């Protein structure tokens, strides 16, 4: 018997997995998980209320699609 190619995981559970990865410093793996979630239609992180976590979840998507640009240098809002 072989492992399945895909698993069905509850959205709230996967949101908690993303948070755990991000908060533990596994940002590269967290980015992979968020990209998969977004590609599959994620609209929100279920059960997550922390705005900073939500922003970090969407950060790469927002930058890659030219919606926002994040910088460490202080700049005005355009």
C-alpha atoms as a PDB file:
ATOM      1  CA  UNK A   1       0.000   0.000   0.000  1.00  0.00           C
ATOM      2  CA  UNK A   2       1.311   3.448  -0.933  1.00  0.00           C
ATOM      3  CA  UNK A   3       0.882   6.763   0.846  1.00  0.00           C
ATOM      4  CA  UNK A   4      -1.694   9.082  -0.718  1.00  0.00           C
ATOM      5  CA  UNK A   5      -0.330  11.904  -2.891  1.00  0.00           C
ATOM      6  CA  UNK A   6      -2.519  14.438  -1.092  1.00  0.00           C
ATOM      7  CA  UNK A   7      -4.174  14.733   2.285  1.00  0.00           C
ATOM      8  CA  UNK A   8      -7.317  16.589   3.238  1.00  0.00           C
ATOM      9  CA  UNK A   9      -6.607  18.730   6.297  1.00  0.00           C
ATOM     10  CA  UNK A  10      -9.089  20.962   8.116  1.00  0.00           C
ATOM     11  CA  UNK A  11      -8.435  24.670   7.390  1.00  0.00           C
ATOM     12  CA  UNK A  12      -8.208  25.571  11.075  1.00  0.00           C
ATOM     13  CA  UNK A  13      -5.694  22.785  11.741  1.00  0.00           C
ATOM     14  CA  UNK A  14      -3.542  23.857   8.793  1.00  0.00           C
ATOM     15  CA  UNK A  15      -3.729  27.471  10.004  1.00  0.00           C
ATOM     16  CA  UNK A  16      -2.410  26.338  13.390  1.00  0.00           C
ATOM     17  CA  UNK A  17       0.377  24.392  11.659  1.00  0.00           C
ATOM     18  CA  UNK A  18       1.355  27.513   9.696  1.00  0.00           C
ATOM     19  CA  UNK A  19       1.444  29.602  12.895  1.00  0.00           C
ATOM     20  CA  UNK A  20       3.562  26.981  14.686  1.00  0.00           C
ATOM     21  CA  UNK A  21       6.027  26.862  11.786  1.00  0.00           C
ATOM     22  CA  UNK A  22       6.254  30.640  11.542  1.00  0.00           C
ATOM     23  CA  UNK A  23       6.599  31.230  15.284  1.00  0.00           C
ATOM     24  CA  UNK A  24       9.259  28.511  15.634  1.00  0.00           C
ATOM     25  CA  UNK A  25      11.431  30.219  13.022  1.00  0.00           C
ATOM     26  CA  UNK A  26      10.743  27.804  10.163  1.00  0.00           C
ATOM     27  CA  UNK A  27       9.797  30.703   7.904  1.00  0.00           C
ATOM     28  CA  UNK A  28      10.813  28.986   4.661  1.00  0.00           C
ATOM     29  CA  UNK A  29       8.571  25.993   5.368  1.00  0.00           C
ATOM     30  CA  UNK A  30       5.811  28.318   6.611  1.00  0.00           C
ATOM     31  CA  UNK A  31       6.040  30.146   3.275  1.00  0.00           C
ATOM     32  CA  UNK A  32       5.630  26.864   1.390  1.00  0.00           C
ATOM     33  CA  UNK A  33       2.527  26.041   3.443  1.00  0.00           C
ATOM     34  CA  UNK A  34       1.004  29.505   2.974  1.00  0.00           C
ATOM     35  CA  UNK A  35       1.635  29.385  -0.786  1.00  0.00           C
ATOM     36  CA  UNK A  36      -0.130  26.010  -1.028  1.00  0.00           C
ATOM     37  CA  UNK A  37      -3.042  27.278   1.059  1.00  0.00           C
ATOM     38  CA  UNK A  38      -3.395  30.449  -1.044  1.00  0.00           C
ATOM     39  CA  UNK A  39      -3.100  28.499  -4.312  1.00  0.00           C
ATOM     40  CA  UNK A  40      -5.937  26.267  -3.110  1.00  0.00           C
ATOM     41  CA  UNK A  41      -8.183  29.247  -2.393  1.00  0.00           C
ATOM     42  CA  UNK A  42      -7.442  30.267   1.199  1.00  0.00           C
ATOM     43  CA  UNK A  43      -9.277  33.471   2.082  1.00  0.00           C
ATOM     44  CA  UNK A  44      -8.401  33.673   5.777  1.00  0.00           C
ATOM     45  CA  UNK A  45      -6.432  31.968   8.514  1.00  0.00           C
ATOM     46  CA  UNK A  46      -9.172  30.161  10.405  1.00  0.00           C
ATOM     47  CA  UNK A  47      -9.114  30.843  14.134  1.00  0.00           C
ATOM     48  CA  UNK A  48      -6.187  33.294  13.939  1.00  0.00           C
ATOM     49  CA  UNK A  49      -6.904  36.821  15.187  1.00  0.00           C
ATOM     50  CA  UNK A  50      -3.352  38.238  15.482  1.00  0.00           C
ATOM     51  CA  UNK A  51      -3.025  40.847  12.723  1.00  0.00           C
ATOM     52  CA  UNK A  52       0.758  40.540  12.552  1.00  0.00           C
ATOM     53  CA  UNK A  53       0.511  36.790  11.944  1.00  0.00           C
ATOM     54  CA  UNK A  54      -2.130  37.366   9.275  1.00  0.00           C
ATOM     55  CA  UNK A  55       0.075  39.954   7.548  1.00  0.00           C
ATOM     56  CA  UNK A  56       3.053  37.590   7.601  1.00  0.00           C
ATOM     57  CA  UNK A  57       0.897  34.810   6.148  1.00  0.00           C
ATOM     58  CA  UNK A  58      -0.007  37.023   3.168  1.00  0.00           C
ATOM     59  CA  UNK A  59       3.310  38.930   2.916  1.00  0.00           C
ATOM     60  CA  UNK A  60       4.949  36.966   0.085  1.00  0.00           C
ATOM     61  CA  UNK A  61       1.727  36.767  -1.923  1.00  0.00           C
ATOM     62  CA  UNK A  62       1.243  40.534  -1.626  1.00  0.00           C
ATOM     63  CA  UNK A  63       4.841  41.279  -2.647  1.00  0.00           C
ATOM     64  CA  UNK A  64       4.967  38.754  -5.503  1.00  0.00           C
ATOM     65  CA  UNK A  65       1.789  40.190  -7.023  1.00  0.00           C
ATOM     66  CA  UNK A  66       2.974  43.807  -6.755  1.00  0.00           C
ATOM     67  CA  UNK A  67       0.235  44.748  -4.297  1.00  0.00           C
ATOM     68  CA  UNK A  68       2.622  46.022  -1.607  1.00  0.00           C
ATOM     69  CA  UNK A  69       6.348  46.360  -1.084  1.00  0.00           C
ATOM     70  CA  UNK A  70       7.848  45.779   2.352  1.00  0.00           C
ATOM     71  CA  UNK A  71      11.096  47.474   3.367  1.00  0.00           C
ATOM     72  CA  UNK A  72      13.179  47.735   6.510  1.00  0.00           C
ATOM     73  CA  UNK A  73      13.836  51.387   5.670  1.00  0.00           C
ATOM     74  CA  UNK A  74      11.318  53.939   6.997  1.00  0.00           C
ATOM     75  CA  UNK A  75       9.352  55.363   4.079  1.00  0.00           C
ATOM     76  CA  UNK A  76       6.125  57.169   3.557  1.00  0.00           C
ATOM     77  CA  UNK A  77       3.020  55.411   2.366  1.00  0.00           C
ATOM     78  CA  UNK A  78       2.355  55.748  -1.370  1.00  0.00           C
END
